[in-house]
N, C-alpha and C. Protein backbone atom coordinates (compact mmCIF):
# COMPACT_ATOMS: atom_id res chain seq x y z
N MET A 1 7.95 -27.60 4.71
CA MET A 1 8.76 -26.82 3.81
C MET A 1 10.13 -26.63 4.42
N ASP A 2 11.17 -26.72 3.60
CA ASP A 2 12.54 -26.55 4.06
C ASP A 2 12.80 -25.07 4.30
N SER A 3 12.95 -24.70 5.56
CA SER A 3 13.11 -23.29 5.89
C SER A 3 14.44 -22.71 5.45
N SER A 4 15.39 -23.53 5.03
CA SER A 4 16.68 -23.01 4.58
C SER A 4 16.56 -22.27 3.25
N HIS A 5 15.45 -22.44 2.55
CA HIS A 5 15.25 -21.78 1.26
C HIS A 5 14.33 -20.55 1.37
N ILE A 6 13.96 -20.20 2.56
CA ILE A 6 13.10 -19.04 2.76
C ILE A 6 13.97 -17.79 2.84
N ILE A 7 13.61 -16.81 2.04
CA ILE A 7 14.33 -15.54 2.06
C ILE A 7 13.74 -14.68 3.17
N ARG A 8 14.61 -14.28 4.10
CA ARG A 8 14.15 -13.46 5.23
C ARG A 8 13.91 -12.03 4.78
N ARG A 9 12.80 -11.49 5.19
CA ARG A 9 12.48 -10.10 4.97
C ARG A 9 12.76 -9.36 6.27
N PRO A 10 12.95 -8.05 6.18
CA PRO A 10 13.20 -7.30 7.42
C PRO A 10 12.02 -7.41 8.38
N ASP A 11 12.32 -7.53 9.66
CA ASP A 11 11.27 -7.54 10.67
C ASP A 11 10.54 -6.19 10.62
N ALA A 12 9.31 -6.18 11.10
CA ALA A 12 8.51 -4.95 11.06
C ALA A 12 7.80 -4.75 12.39
N PHE A 13 7.47 -3.50 12.66
CA PHE A 13 6.71 -3.11 13.85
C PHE A 13 5.44 -2.45 13.34
N VAL A 14 4.31 -3.05 13.64
CA VAL A 14 3.02 -2.57 13.15
C VAL A 14 2.18 -2.07 14.33
N VAL A 15 1.65 -0.86 14.21
CA VAL A 15 0.79 -0.28 15.22
C VAL A 15 -0.62 -0.23 14.64
N ALA A 16 -1.59 -0.74 15.39
CA ALA A 16 -2.98 -0.79 14.93
C ALA A 16 -3.90 -0.20 15.98
N GLY A 17 -5.09 0.17 15.54
CA GLY A 17 -6.05 0.77 16.44
C GLY A 17 -7.37 0.05 16.47
N ALA A 18 -7.96 -0.03 17.66
CA ALA A 18 -9.32 -0.55 17.84
C ALA A 18 -10.23 0.66 17.94
N LEU A 19 -11.00 0.91 16.86
CA LEU A 19 -11.93 2.04 16.79
C LEU A 19 -13.35 1.52 16.86
N PHE A 20 -14.17 2.21 17.61
CA PHE A 20 -15.57 1.83 17.76
C PHE A 20 -16.47 2.95 17.26
N ASP A 21 -17.65 2.56 16.75
CA ASP A 21 -18.64 3.55 16.37
C ASP A 21 -19.62 3.76 17.52
N ALA A 22 -20.62 4.61 17.31
CA ALA A 22 -21.58 4.94 18.37
C ALA A 22 -22.42 3.74 18.80
N GLN A 23 -22.55 2.73 17.94
CA GLN A 23 -23.29 1.51 18.28
C GLN A 23 -22.43 0.46 18.97
N GLY A 24 -21.15 0.79 19.22
CA GLY A 24 -20.26 -0.15 19.90
C GLY A 24 -19.64 -1.18 18.98
N ARG A 25 -19.74 -0.96 17.67
CA ARG A 25 -19.14 -1.89 16.72
C ARG A 25 -17.68 -1.51 16.47
N LEU A 26 -16.87 -2.51 16.17
CA LEU A 26 -15.44 -2.38 15.96
C LEU A 26 -15.13 -2.32 14.47
N LEU A 27 -14.20 -1.47 14.08
CA LEU A 27 -13.83 -1.34 12.68
C LEU A 27 -12.70 -2.30 12.32
N LEU A 28 -12.90 -3.05 11.24
CA LEU A 28 -11.87 -3.93 10.70
C LEU A 28 -11.58 -3.54 9.26
N ALA A 29 -10.37 -3.81 8.80
CA ALA A 29 -9.95 -3.54 7.43
C ALA A 29 -9.52 -4.85 6.79
N GLU A 30 -9.85 -5.00 5.51
CA GLU A 30 -9.47 -6.21 4.78
C GLU A 30 -8.13 -5.98 4.08
N ARG A 31 -7.24 -6.96 4.17
CA ARG A 31 -5.95 -6.89 3.47
C ARG A 31 -6.24 -6.89 1.97
N PRO A 32 -5.75 -5.88 1.24
CA PRO A 32 -6.07 -5.78 -0.19
C PRO A 32 -5.32 -6.79 -1.05
N PRO A 33 -5.84 -7.06 -2.25
CA PRO A 33 -5.15 -7.96 -3.18
C PRO A 33 -3.72 -7.49 -3.43
N GLY A 34 -2.81 -8.45 -3.53
CA GLY A 34 -1.41 -8.13 -3.77
C GLY A 34 -0.59 -7.94 -2.52
N LYS A 35 -1.25 -7.82 -1.37
CA LYS A 35 -0.55 -7.68 -0.09
C LYS A 35 -0.44 -9.05 0.57
N HIS A 36 0.54 -9.17 1.47
CA HIS A 36 0.69 -10.38 2.27
C HIS A 36 -0.61 -10.64 3.02
N MET A 37 -1.09 -11.86 3.01
CA MET A 37 -2.32 -12.27 3.70
C MET A 37 -3.57 -11.56 3.15
N ALA A 38 -3.58 -11.29 1.85
CA ALA A 38 -4.71 -10.62 1.19
C ALA A 38 -6.02 -11.34 1.49
N GLY A 39 -7.07 -10.58 1.73
CA GLY A 39 -8.39 -11.13 1.99
C GLY A 39 -8.70 -11.35 3.46
N GLY A 40 -7.67 -11.33 4.31
CA GLY A 40 -7.90 -11.48 5.75
C GLY A 40 -8.28 -10.14 6.36
N TRP A 41 -8.97 -10.21 7.47
CA TRP A 41 -9.41 -9.00 8.17
C TRP A 41 -8.49 -8.71 9.34
N GLU A 42 -8.23 -7.42 9.57
CA GLU A 42 -7.29 -7.00 10.61
C GLU A 42 -7.74 -5.67 11.20
N PHE A 43 -7.07 -5.30 12.28
CA PHE A 43 -7.29 -3.99 12.87
C PHE A 43 -6.53 -2.98 12.01
N PRO A 44 -7.13 -1.82 11.69
CA PRO A 44 -6.45 -0.86 10.83
C PRO A 44 -5.20 -0.28 11.49
N GLY A 45 -4.20 -0.02 10.68
CA GLY A 45 -2.95 0.53 11.16
C GLY A 45 -1.86 0.31 10.14
N GLY A 46 -0.62 0.40 10.58
CA GLY A 46 0.48 0.21 9.64
C GLY A 46 1.83 0.23 10.32
N LYS A 47 2.86 0.22 9.48
CA LYS A 47 4.24 0.10 9.94
C LYS A 47 4.75 1.38 10.59
N ARG A 48 5.46 1.16 11.66
CA ARG A 48 6.12 2.24 12.39
C ARG A 48 7.40 2.63 11.64
N GLU A 49 7.63 3.92 11.50
CA GLU A 49 8.85 4.43 10.88
C GLU A 49 9.98 4.43 11.90
N PRO A 50 11.24 4.39 11.44
CA PRO A 50 12.37 4.43 12.39
C PRO A 50 12.28 5.66 13.30
N ASN A 51 12.49 5.44 14.58
CA ASN A 51 12.49 6.49 15.61
C ASN A 51 11.14 7.16 15.82
N GLU A 52 10.07 6.62 15.26
CA GLU A 52 8.75 7.20 15.45
C GLU A 52 8.13 6.64 16.73
N GLU A 53 7.50 7.51 17.51
CA GLU A 53 6.81 7.06 18.71
C GLU A 53 5.59 6.25 18.31
N ARG A 54 5.23 5.26 19.12
CA ARG A 54 4.12 4.37 18.79
C ARG A 54 2.80 5.12 18.59
N LEU A 55 2.49 6.06 19.50
CA LEU A 55 1.25 6.81 19.36
C LEU A 55 1.27 7.67 18.09
N ASP A 56 2.43 8.22 17.77
CA ASP A 56 2.55 9.01 16.54
C ASP A 56 2.30 8.13 15.31
N THR A 57 2.78 6.89 15.36
CA THR A 57 2.52 5.96 14.26
C THR A 57 1.03 5.72 14.12
N LEU A 58 0.36 5.46 15.23
CA LEU A 58 -1.08 5.22 15.21
C LEU A 58 -1.81 6.41 14.59
N LYS A 59 -1.49 7.61 15.05
CA LYS A 59 -2.13 8.81 14.53
C LYS A 59 -1.88 8.97 13.04
N ARG A 60 -0.65 8.80 12.60
CA ARG A 60 -0.30 8.97 11.19
C ARG A 60 -1.00 7.92 10.33
N GLU A 61 -0.91 6.67 10.74
CA GLU A 61 -1.48 5.59 9.94
C GLU A 61 -2.99 5.68 9.82
N LEU A 62 -3.68 5.99 10.90
CA LEU A 62 -5.14 6.06 10.83
C LEU A 62 -5.62 7.31 10.11
N ASP A 63 -4.81 8.35 10.10
CA ASP A 63 -5.13 9.51 9.28
C ASP A 63 -4.96 9.16 7.80
N GLU A 64 -3.83 8.53 7.44
CA GLU A 64 -3.56 8.16 6.05
C GLU A 64 -4.53 7.10 5.53
N GLU A 65 -4.83 6.11 6.36
CA GLU A 65 -5.63 4.97 5.94
C GLU A 65 -7.14 5.23 6.01
N LEU A 66 -7.57 5.97 7.04
CA LEU A 66 -9.00 6.13 7.30
C LEU A 66 -9.50 7.58 7.29
N GLY A 67 -8.58 8.54 7.32
CA GLY A 67 -8.99 9.93 7.37
C GLY A 67 -9.55 10.36 8.71
N VAL A 68 -9.14 9.71 9.79
CA VAL A 68 -9.60 10.11 11.12
C VAL A 68 -8.43 10.69 11.92
N ARG A 69 -8.79 11.56 12.86
CA ARG A 69 -7.79 12.17 13.74
C ARG A 69 -7.95 11.56 15.12
N ILE A 70 -6.90 10.88 15.59
CA ILE A 70 -6.92 10.26 16.91
C ILE A 70 -6.69 11.35 17.96
N ILE A 71 -7.62 11.45 18.90
CA ILE A 71 -7.50 12.42 19.98
C ILE A 71 -6.94 11.76 21.23
N ALA A 72 -7.41 10.54 21.52
CA ALA A 72 -6.93 9.83 22.71
C ALA A 72 -6.95 8.32 22.45
N ALA A 73 -5.90 7.66 22.91
CA ALA A 73 -5.79 6.20 22.77
C ALA A 73 -4.86 5.69 23.85
N GLU A 74 -5.04 4.42 24.20
CA GLU A 74 -4.18 3.81 25.21
C GLU A 74 -3.63 2.48 24.68
N PRO A 75 -2.37 2.18 24.99
CA PRO A 75 -1.82 0.91 24.53
C PRO A 75 -2.56 -0.26 25.18
N LEU A 76 -2.82 -1.29 24.39
CA LEU A 76 -3.61 -2.42 24.88
C LEU A 76 -2.80 -3.70 24.97
N VAL A 77 -2.15 -4.10 23.88
CA VAL A 77 -1.37 -5.33 23.87
C VAL A 77 -0.32 -5.24 22.78
N SER A 78 0.86 -5.81 23.05
CA SER A 78 1.94 -5.82 22.08
C SER A 78 2.64 -7.17 22.18
N TYR A 79 2.95 -7.76 21.04
CA TYR A 79 3.60 -9.07 21.01
C TYR A 79 4.24 -9.28 19.64
N VAL A 80 5.07 -10.32 19.54
CA VAL A 80 5.72 -10.66 18.28
C VAL A 80 5.03 -11.87 17.67
N HIS A 81 4.69 -11.75 16.39
CA HIS A 81 4.13 -12.88 15.63
C HIS A 81 5.21 -13.34 14.66
N GLU A 82 5.51 -14.64 14.69
CA GLU A 82 6.57 -15.18 13.85
C GLU A 82 5.99 -15.78 12.57
N TYR A 83 6.38 -15.20 11.44
CA TYR A 83 6.10 -15.78 10.13
C TYR A 83 7.35 -16.54 9.70
N ALA A 84 7.23 -17.35 8.67
CA ALA A 84 8.39 -18.12 8.19
C ALA A 84 9.50 -17.19 7.69
N ASP A 85 9.13 -16.04 7.12
CA ASP A 85 10.13 -15.17 6.50
C ASP A 85 10.50 -13.93 7.31
N ARG A 86 9.78 -13.68 8.41
CA ARG A 86 10.12 -12.54 9.26
C ARG A 86 9.26 -12.52 10.50
N ASN A 87 9.66 -11.68 11.45
CA ASN A 87 8.87 -11.46 12.66
C ASN A 87 8.22 -10.09 12.58
N ILE A 88 6.98 -10.03 13.06
CA ILE A 88 6.23 -8.78 13.08
C ILE A 88 5.84 -8.50 14.53
N THR A 89 6.22 -7.33 15.03
CA THR A 89 5.72 -6.89 16.32
C THR A 89 4.39 -6.22 16.06
N LEU A 90 3.35 -6.68 16.73
CA LEU A 90 2.00 -6.12 16.61
C LEU A 90 1.67 -5.39 17.89
N ASP A 91 1.23 -4.16 17.75
CA ASP A 91 0.99 -3.27 18.88
C ASP A 91 -0.40 -2.67 18.71
N LEU A 92 -1.37 -3.15 19.49
CA LEU A 92 -2.75 -2.68 19.38
C LEU A 92 -3.05 -1.63 20.43
N TRP A 93 -3.69 -0.54 19.99
CA TRP A 93 -4.10 0.55 20.86
C TRP A 93 -5.61 0.61 20.89
N PHE A 94 -6.16 0.93 22.04
CA PHE A 94 -7.60 1.11 22.23
C PHE A 94 -7.88 2.60 22.06
N VAL A 95 -8.58 2.95 21.00
CA VAL A 95 -8.86 4.36 20.71
C VAL A 95 -10.09 4.78 21.51
N THR A 96 -9.92 5.78 22.36
CA THR A 96 -11.02 6.24 23.19
C THR A 96 -11.72 7.46 22.61
N ARG A 97 -11.02 8.23 21.77
CA ARG A 97 -11.64 9.38 21.11
C ARG A 97 -10.98 9.62 19.77
N TYR A 98 -11.83 9.86 18.76
CA TYR A 98 -11.32 10.25 17.45
C TYR A 98 -12.31 11.16 16.76
N GLU A 99 -11.83 11.91 15.79
CA GLU A 99 -12.68 12.79 15.00
C GLU A 99 -12.68 12.33 13.56
N GLY A 100 -13.83 12.47 12.92
CA GLY A 100 -13.95 12.09 11.52
C GLY A 100 -14.69 10.77 11.37
N GLU A 101 -15.17 10.54 10.17
CA GLU A 101 -15.87 9.30 9.85
C GLU A 101 -14.90 8.41 9.07
N PRO A 102 -14.54 7.24 9.62
CA PRO A 102 -13.58 6.38 8.91
C PRO A 102 -14.05 6.04 7.50
N GLN A 103 -13.12 6.19 6.56
CA GLN A 103 -13.38 5.84 5.18
C GLN A 103 -12.13 5.20 4.59
N SER A 104 -12.32 4.41 3.57
CA SER A 104 -11.19 3.71 2.93
C SER A 104 -10.44 4.66 2.02
N LEU A 105 -9.24 5.05 2.43
CA LEU A 105 -8.41 5.94 1.63
C LEU A 105 -7.31 5.18 0.90
N GLU A 106 -7.17 3.88 1.18
CA GLU A 106 -6.12 3.08 0.55
C GLU A 106 -6.71 1.86 -0.14
N SER A 107 -7.93 1.97 -0.61
CA SER A 107 -8.62 0.94 -1.40
C SER A 107 -8.85 -0.38 -0.66
N GLN A 108 -8.83 -0.36 0.65
CA GLN A 108 -9.14 -1.56 1.41
C GLN A 108 -10.62 -1.55 1.78
N ASN A 109 -11.21 -2.72 1.88
CA ASN A 109 -12.58 -2.81 2.35
C ASN A 109 -12.59 -2.61 3.86
N LEU A 110 -13.61 -1.91 4.35
CA LEU A 110 -13.80 -1.69 5.78
C LEU A 110 -15.10 -2.34 6.20
N ARG A 111 -15.14 -2.73 7.47
CA ARG A 111 -16.33 -3.42 7.98
C ARG A 111 -16.46 -3.14 9.47
N TRP A 112 -17.67 -2.75 9.89
CA TRP A 112 -17.97 -2.60 11.31
C TRP A 112 -18.55 -3.92 11.81
N VAL A 113 -18.01 -4.45 12.91
CA VAL A 113 -18.49 -5.73 13.44
C VAL A 113 -18.78 -5.62 14.93
N LYS A 114 -19.70 -6.43 15.38
CA LYS A 114 -19.96 -6.54 16.81
C LYS A 114 -18.85 -7.38 17.43
N LEU A 115 -18.54 -7.12 18.69
CA LEU A 115 -17.45 -7.85 19.34
C LEU A 115 -17.70 -9.36 19.36
N ASP A 116 -18.96 -9.77 19.47
CA ASP A 116 -19.22 -11.21 19.50
C ASP A 116 -19.12 -11.87 18.12
N GLU A 117 -18.81 -11.08 17.09
CA GLU A 117 -18.61 -11.62 15.74
C GLU A 117 -17.13 -11.85 15.42
N LEU A 118 -16.23 -11.45 16.31
CA LEU A 118 -14.80 -11.52 15.99
C LEU A 118 -14.32 -12.93 15.67
N ASP A 119 -14.94 -13.94 16.26
CA ASP A 119 -14.52 -15.32 15.99
C ASP A 119 -14.92 -15.80 14.60
N SER A 120 -15.83 -15.10 13.94
CA SER A 120 -16.35 -15.60 12.67
C SER A 120 -16.13 -14.68 11.48
N VAL A 121 -15.35 -13.62 11.63
CA VAL A 121 -15.19 -12.65 10.55
C VAL A 121 -13.97 -12.89 9.67
N GLY A 122 -13.16 -13.88 9.97
CA GLY A 122 -11.95 -14.11 9.18
C GLY A 122 -10.78 -13.25 9.61
N LEU A 123 -10.71 -12.98 10.91
CA LEU A 123 -9.61 -12.20 11.47
C LEU A 123 -8.30 -12.96 11.23
N LEU A 124 -7.27 -12.25 10.85
CA LEU A 124 -5.97 -12.88 10.61
C LEU A 124 -5.47 -13.59 11.86
N GLU A 125 -4.80 -14.70 11.65
CA GLU A 125 -4.26 -15.47 12.78
C GLU A 125 -3.34 -14.62 13.65
N ALA A 126 -2.56 -13.76 13.01
CA ALA A 126 -1.63 -12.90 13.75
C ALA A 126 -2.36 -11.94 14.69
N ASP A 127 -3.60 -11.58 14.36
CA ASP A 127 -4.37 -10.65 15.18
C ASP A 127 -5.16 -11.34 16.29
N ALA A 128 -5.27 -12.65 16.24
CA ALA A 128 -6.09 -13.39 17.20
C ALA A 128 -5.70 -13.12 18.66
N PRO A 129 -4.40 -13.02 19.02
CA PRO A 129 -4.07 -12.75 20.43
C PRO A 129 -4.56 -11.40 20.94
N MET A 130 -5.02 -10.53 20.05
CA MET A 130 -5.51 -9.22 20.46
C MET A 130 -6.93 -9.29 21.00
N VAL A 131 -7.66 -10.34 20.65
CA VAL A 131 -9.09 -10.39 20.93
C VAL A 131 -9.39 -10.41 22.44
N ALA A 132 -8.74 -11.28 23.20
CA ALA A 132 -9.05 -11.36 24.64
C ALA A 132 -8.76 -10.06 25.37
N PRO A 133 -7.58 -9.42 25.18
CA PRO A 133 -7.36 -8.13 25.84
C PRO A 133 -8.34 -7.05 25.36
N LEU A 134 -8.71 -7.11 24.10
CA LEU A 134 -9.67 -6.14 23.57
C LEU A 134 -11.04 -6.31 24.22
N LEU A 135 -11.49 -7.54 24.33
CA LEU A 135 -12.79 -7.79 24.97
C LEU A 135 -12.78 -7.36 26.43
N ALA A 136 -11.68 -7.64 27.13
CA ALA A 136 -11.57 -7.25 28.53
C ALA A 136 -11.61 -5.72 28.67
N ARG A 137 -10.87 -5.03 27.82
CA ARG A 137 -10.85 -3.56 27.89
C ARG A 137 -12.19 -2.97 27.46
N ALA A 138 -12.80 -3.53 26.43
CA ALA A 138 -14.09 -3.02 25.94
C ALA A 138 -15.18 -3.15 26.99
N SER A 139 -15.06 -4.16 27.84
CA SER A 139 -16.08 -4.36 28.88
C SER A 139 -16.10 -3.21 29.89
N ARG A 140 -15.00 -2.44 29.96
CA ARG A 140 -14.93 -1.29 30.86
C ARG A 140 -15.46 -0.03 30.20
N GLY A 141 -15.81 -0.09 28.91
CA GLY A 141 -16.34 1.06 28.20
C GLY A 141 -15.27 1.84 27.47
N ARG A 142 -15.70 2.82 26.70
CA ARG A 142 -14.76 3.59 25.88
C ARG A 142 -14.50 4.98 26.46
N VAL A 143 -14.79 5.17 27.71
CA VAL A 143 -14.58 6.47 28.34
C VAL A 143 -13.09 6.66 28.63
N GLU A 144 -12.62 7.89 28.41
CA GLU A 144 -11.20 8.18 28.69
C GLU A 144 -10.91 8.11 30.17
């Protein structure tokens, strides 16, 4: 495709969280119809507002999207993914403590998966670089 005809969209900074349940399963959210990359699975989160701290973004987004309150989390991995029309900075946090039962508040499908299922669940290509650091951190447990 001739990239000279691609309309550039503003770059974005997305903060996402790796949340686990009591069985050690990881929560994924499906991109809803009408959104970019609809149908793909990703770590829940959303766009950072101007001048917002990264942890504040995580707390706000997971409250709005899932109805959970983040008590403790640590930054895990951050990188830029280049799409044809814009660059997205992806910033994944490992959530060590949260309150509430995650539920879909924005009409997205949610799914709990085992870590060894990540290669087969349809994770978005942009999220793939998060898997190795996530597995390494998860092997140390979810203790603060």
